[in-house]
Amino acid sequence: MKFKQLFLIFIALIISKFSFANDHADSAIVVVSFIVNKEGQKEKIKIHNVVCANCEDSFKEQIKEEALNVIKNSPDYLPQKKKKKYLQPVKFKIKK
């Protein structure tokens, strides 16, 4: 199985355990930026952008925190020749 497939399975498992309380939105995307160092470890993880129509600020904060947790707890990347910056969208489908 390729790394990308494993990563998506990992994200699905993490997100499925998180419950949201929002009456206005049905989906959201949080784009997280990070750098993968030569050893394959993630560093400088931060929120790049949040797309969530009709979301309240408190709800946006919840999904930002969860997206950061997903990336922080995801498996390391393969070792690389040099540092590389990534933008990883974390998609949330919100069940009402």
N, C-alpha and C. Protein backbone atom coordinates (compact mmCIF):
# COMPACT_ATOMS: atom_id res chain seq x y z
N MET A 1 0.84 -1.18 0.00
CA MET A 1 0.00 0.00 0.00
C MET A 1 0.89 1.24 0.00
N LYS A 2 0.53 2.21 -0.79
CA LYS A 2 1.33 3.43 -0.87
C LYS A 2 1.14 4.29 0.37
N PHE A 3 2.13 5.15 0.62
CA PHE A 3 2.08 6.02 1.80
C PHE A 3 0.83 6.89 1.79
N LYS A 4 0.48 7.45 0.64
CA LYS A 4 -0.68 8.34 0.56
C LYS A 4 -1.95 7.60 0.97
N GLN A 5 -2.10 6.36 0.54
CA GLN A 5 -3.28 5.57 0.92
C GLN A 5 -3.30 5.32 2.42
N LEU A 6 -2.15 4.96 2.99
CA LEU A 6 -2.07 4.74 4.43
C LEU A 6 -2.38 6.01 5.20
N PHE A 7 -1.88 7.13 4.71
CA PHE A 7 -2.11 8.41 5.36
C PHE A 7 -3.60 8.75 5.37
N LEU A 8 -4.29 8.52 4.24
CA LEU A 8 -5.72 8.81 4.16
C LEU A 8 -6.53 7.89 5.08
N ILE A 9 -6.12 6.64 5.19
CA ILE A 9 -6.78 5.73 6.13
C ILE A 9 -6.58 6.21 7.56
N PHE A 10 -5.37 6.64 7.88
CA PHE A 10 -5.07 7.15 9.21
C PHE A 10 -5.96 8.36 9.53
N ILE A 11 -6.07 9.29 8.60
CA ILE A 11 -6.90 10.48 8.81
C ILE A 11 -8.35 10.08 9.01
N ALA A 12 -8.85 9.15 8.23
CA ALA A 12 -10.24 8.71 8.36
C ALA A 12 -10.50 8.12 9.74
N LEU A 13 -9.56 7.35 10.25
CA LEU A 13 -9.72 6.76 11.58
C LEU A 13 -9.74 7.82 12.67
N ILE A 14 -8.87 8.80 12.56
CA ILE A 14 -8.82 9.87 13.57
C ILE A 14 -10.09 10.71 13.52
N ILE A 15 -10.49 11.14 12.35
CA ILE A 15 -11.65 12.02 12.21
C ILE A 15 -12.93 11.32 12.65
N SER A 16 -13.05 10.04 12.41
CA SER A 16 -14.28 9.33 12.76
C SER A 16 -14.53 9.32 14.26
N LYS A 17 -13.50 9.56 15.06
CA LYS A 17 -13.65 9.56 16.51
C LYS A 17 -13.98 10.93 17.08
N PHE A 18 -14.04 11.93 16.23
CA PHE A 18 -14.26 13.30 16.68
C PHE A 18 -15.69 13.71 16.34
N SER A 19 -16.42 14.21 17.33
CA SER A 19 -17.80 14.63 17.05
C SER A 19 -17.88 16.16 17.04
N PHE A 20 -18.66 16.67 16.12
CA PHE A 20 -18.81 18.10 15.95
C PHE A 20 -20.20 18.54 16.39
N ALA A 21 -20.27 19.75 16.86
CA ALA A 21 -21.56 20.32 17.22
C ALA A 21 -21.70 21.63 16.44
N ASN A 22 -22.29 21.53 15.28
CA ASN A 22 -22.48 22.71 14.44
C ASN A 22 -23.76 22.54 13.65
N ASP A 23 -24.64 23.51 13.71
CA ASP A 23 -25.93 23.40 13.04
C ASP A 23 -25.95 24.03 11.66
N HIS A 24 -24.90 24.76 11.29
CA HIS A 24 -24.95 25.56 10.08
C HIS A 24 -24.17 24.99 8.90
N ALA A 25 -23.07 24.32 9.13
CA ALA A 25 -22.21 23.85 8.05
C ALA A 25 -22.34 22.34 7.88
N ASP A 26 -22.12 21.87 6.65
CA ASP A 26 -22.13 20.42 6.43
C ASP A 26 -20.75 19.89 6.04
N SER A 27 -19.79 20.79 5.78
CA SER A 27 -18.43 20.36 5.50
C SER A 27 -17.46 21.51 5.76
N ALA A 28 -16.20 21.14 5.89
CA ALA A 28 -15.16 22.14 6.11
C ALA A 28 -13.84 21.56 5.62
N ILE A 29 -12.95 22.46 5.23
CA ILE A 29 -11.60 22.07 4.83
C ILE A 29 -10.62 22.95 5.58
N VAL A 30 -9.68 22.32 6.23
CA VAL A 30 -8.61 23.03 6.91
C VAL A 30 -7.31 22.65 6.21
N VAL A 31 -6.61 23.63 5.69
CA VAL A 31 -5.33 23.38 5.02
C VAL A 31 -4.21 23.62 6.03
N VAL A 32 -3.41 22.59 6.24
CA VAL A 32 -2.32 22.65 7.21
C VAL A 32 -1.01 22.65 6.46
N SER A 33 -0.12 23.57 6.83
CA SER A 33 1.21 23.60 6.21
C SER A 33 2.23 23.05 7.20
N PHE A 34 3.23 22.40 6.67
CA PHE A 34 4.31 21.87 7.50
C PHE A 34 5.51 21.58 6.64
N ILE A 35 6.64 21.42 7.29
CA ILE A 35 7.89 21.09 6.61
C ILE A 35 8.29 19.69 7.03
N VAL A 36 8.70 18.89 6.06
CA VAL A 36 9.24 17.56 6.35
C VAL A 36 10.76 17.66 6.24
N ASN A 37 11.44 17.32 7.34
CA ASN A 37 12.90 17.43 7.35
C ASN A 37 13.54 16.20 6.70
N LYS A 38 14.87 16.18 6.69
CA LYS A 38 15.60 15.09 6.02
C LYS A 38 15.32 13.72 6.62
N GLU A 39 14.95 13.69 7.90
CA GLU A 39 14.65 12.42 8.57
C GLU A 39 13.20 11.98 8.33
N GLY A 40 12.40 12.81 7.68
CA GLY A 40 11.01 12.48 7.42
C GLY A 40 10.04 12.95 8.49
N GLN A 41 10.55 13.71 9.46
CA GLN A 41 9.71 14.21 10.55
C GLN A 41 9.09 15.55 10.19
N LYS A 42 7.87 15.78 10.68
CA LYS A 42 7.16 17.03 10.41
C LYS A 42 7.58 18.09 11.42
N GLU A 43 7.74 19.32 10.94
CA GLU A 43 8.06 20.45 11.82
C GLU A 43 7.37 21.70 11.30
N LYS A 44 7.30 22.70 12.13
CA LYS A 44 6.65 23.97 11.80
C LYS A 44 5.23 23.76 11.26
N ILE A 45 4.46 22.98 12.00
CA ILE A 45 3.08 22.67 11.62
C ILE A 45 2.19 23.84 12.00
N LYS A 46 1.43 24.35 11.02
CA LYS A 46 0.52 25.45 11.32
C LYS A 46 -0.65 25.48 10.34
N ILE A 47 -1.68 26.18 10.72
CA ILE A 47 -2.87 26.33 9.89
C ILE A 47 -2.57 27.32 8.77
N HIS A 48 -2.84 26.91 7.56
CA HIS A 48 -2.64 27.77 6.40
C HIS A 48 -3.93 28.48 6.01
N ASN A 49 -5.06 27.73 6.05
CA ASN A 49 -6.33 28.30 5.61
C ASN A 49 -7.48 27.44 6.14
N VAL A 50 -8.64 28.07 6.35
CA VAL A 50 -9.85 27.35 6.74
C VAL A 50 -10.97 27.76 5.80
N VAL A 51 -11.63 26.77 5.21
CA VAL A 51 -12.78 27.03 4.35
C VAL A 51 -13.98 26.35 4.99
N CYS A 52 -14.88 27.16 5.50
CA CYS A 52 -16.06 26.63 6.18
C CYS A 52 -17.16 27.69 6.13
N ALA A 53 -18.02 27.56 5.13
CA ALA A 53 -19.11 28.51 4.99
C ALA A 53 -20.10 28.34 6.14
N ASN A 54 -20.57 29.44 6.67
CA ASN A 54 -21.57 29.46 7.74
C ASN A 54 -21.09 28.87 9.06
N CYS A 55 -19.79 28.79 9.27
CA CYS A 55 -19.26 28.26 10.53
C CYS A 55 -19.09 29.40 11.54
N GLU A 56 -19.40 29.10 12.77
CA GLU A 56 -19.16 30.04 13.86
C GLU A 56 -17.68 29.99 14.21
N ASP A 57 -17.18 31.08 14.79
CA ASP A 57 -15.76 31.15 15.14
C ASP A 57 -15.34 30.04 16.10
N SER A 58 -16.17 29.73 17.08
CA SER A 58 -15.81 28.68 18.04
C SER A 58 -15.69 27.32 17.35
N PHE A 59 -16.54 27.09 16.36
CA PHE A 59 -16.47 25.84 15.61
C PHE A 59 -15.21 25.79 14.76
N LYS A 60 -14.85 26.91 14.13
CA LYS A 60 -13.62 26.96 13.34
C LYS A 60 -12.41 26.63 14.21
N GLU A 61 -12.41 27.13 15.45
CA GLU A 61 -11.30 26.83 16.35
C GLU A 61 -11.22 25.34 16.66
N GLN A 62 -12.38 24.70 16.81
CA GLN A 62 -12.41 23.26 17.08
C GLN A 62 -11.81 22.47 15.92
N ILE A 63 -12.22 22.81 14.71
CA ILE A 63 -11.71 22.03 13.58
C ILE A 63 -10.25 22.34 13.27
N LYS A 64 -9.82 23.57 13.56
CA LYS A 64 -8.39 23.89 13.40
C LYS A 64 -7.55 23.00 14.32
N GLU A 65 -7.98 22.92 15.57
CA GLU A 65 -7.25 22.13 16.56
C GLU A 65 -7.23 20.65 16.16
N GLU A 66 -8.35 20.15 15.67
CA GLU A 66 -8.41 18.75 15.27
C GLU A 66 -7.53 18.48 14.04
N ALA A 67 -7.52 19.41 13.09
CA ALA A 67 -6.66 19.25 11.90
C ALA A 67 -5.18 19.23 12.31
N LEU A 68 -4.80 20.09 13.23
CA LEU A 68 -3.42 20.08 13.73
C LEU A 68 -3.09 18.75 14.39
N ASN A 69 -4.02 18.23 15.18
CA ASN A 69 -3.81 16.93 15.84
C ASN A 69 -3.64 15.81 14.83
N VAL A 70 -4.43 15.84 13.78
CA VAL A 70 -4.33 14.81 12.74
C VAL A 70 -2.95 14.80 12.12
N ILE A 71 -2.46 15.97 11.75
CA ILE A 71 -1.13 16.05 11.12
C ILE A 71 -0.02 15.70 12.11
N LYS A 72 -0.12 16.24 13.34
CA LYS A 72 0.92 15.95 14.34
C LYS A 72 1.01 14.46 14.65
N ASN A 73 -0.12 13.77 14.68
CA ASN A 73 -0.15 12.35 15.05
C ASN A 73 -0.06 11.40 13.87
N SER A 74 0.06 11.93 12.68
CA SER A 74 0.18 11.08 11.50
C SER A 74 1.59 10.48 11.42
N PRO A 75 1.73 9.39 10.69
CA PRO A 75 3.06 8.76 10.57
C PRO A 75 4.07 9.69 9.91
N ASP A 76 5.33 9.48 10.23
CA ASP A 76 6.39 10.27 9.60
C ASP A 76 6.48 9.93 8.12
N TYR A 77 7.02 10.85 7.36
CA TYR A 77 7.25 10.65 5.94
C TYR A 77 8.55 9.87 5.75
N LEU A 78 8.81 9.47 4.53
CA LEU A 78 10.07 8.81 4.22
C LEU A 78 11.20 9.84 4.28
N PRO A 79 12.41 9.42 4.66
CA PRO A 79 13.54 10.35 4.66
C PRO A 79 13.72 11.00 3.28
N GLN A 80 14.16 12.27 3.29
CA GLN A 80 14.29 13.02 2.06
C GLN A 80 15.69 13.61 1.94
N LYS A 81 16.04 14.01 0.74
CA LYS A 81 17.37 14.59 0.52
C LYS A 81 17.46 16.01 1.08
N LYS A 82 16.33 16.74 1.08
CA LYS A 82 16.33 18.08 1.65
C LYS A 82 14.94 18.36 2.22
N LYS A 83 14.84 19.41 3.03
CA LYS A 83 13.56 19.79 3.60
C LYS A 83 12.57 20.16 2.50
N LYS A 84 11.30 19.84 2.75
CA LYS A 84 10.28 20.14 1.76
C LYS A 84 9.01 20.61 2.47
N LYS A 85 8.38 21.66 1.93
CA LYS A 85 7.16 22.19 2.51
C LYS A 85 5.95 21.51 1.86
N TYR A 86 4.96 21.19 2.69
CA TYR A 86 3.74 20.56 2.23
C TYR A 86 2.53 21.38 2.66
N LEU A 87 1.49 21.35 1.84
CA LEU A 87 0.17 21.86 2.20
C LEU A 87 -0.77 20.67 2.14
N GLN A 88 -1.34 20.29 3.27
CA GLN A 88 -2.20 19.11 3.33
C GLN A 88 -3.61 19.53 3.72
N PRO A 89 -4.59 19.37 2.82
CA PRO A 89 -5.97 19.65 3.20
C PRO A 89 -6.52 18.53 4.08
N VAL A 90 -7.20 18.91 5.13
CA VAL A 90 -7.89 17.95 5.99
C VAL A 90 -9.38 18.27 5.85
N LYS A 91 -10.12 17.33 5.28
CA LYS A 91 -11.53 17.57 4.97
C LYS A 91 -12.41 16.98 6.07
N PHE A 92 -13.41 17.76 6.46
CA PHE A 92 -14.36 17.33 7.47
C PHE A 92 -15.75 17.28 6.85
N LYS A 93 -16.41 16.17 6.98
CA LYS A 93 -17.81 16.06 6.58
C LYS A 93 -18.61 16.02 7.88
N ILE A 94 -19.50 16.96 8.05
CA ILE A 94 -20.18 17.13 9.32
C ILE A 94 -21.59 16.54 9.23
N LYS A 95 -21.82 15.56 10.08
CA LYS A 95 -23.15 14.95 10.12
C LYS A 95 -24.01 15.71 11.12
N LYS A 96 -25.22 15.97 10.70
CA LYS A 96 -26.14 16.71 11.58
C LYS A 96 -27.10 15.78 12.28
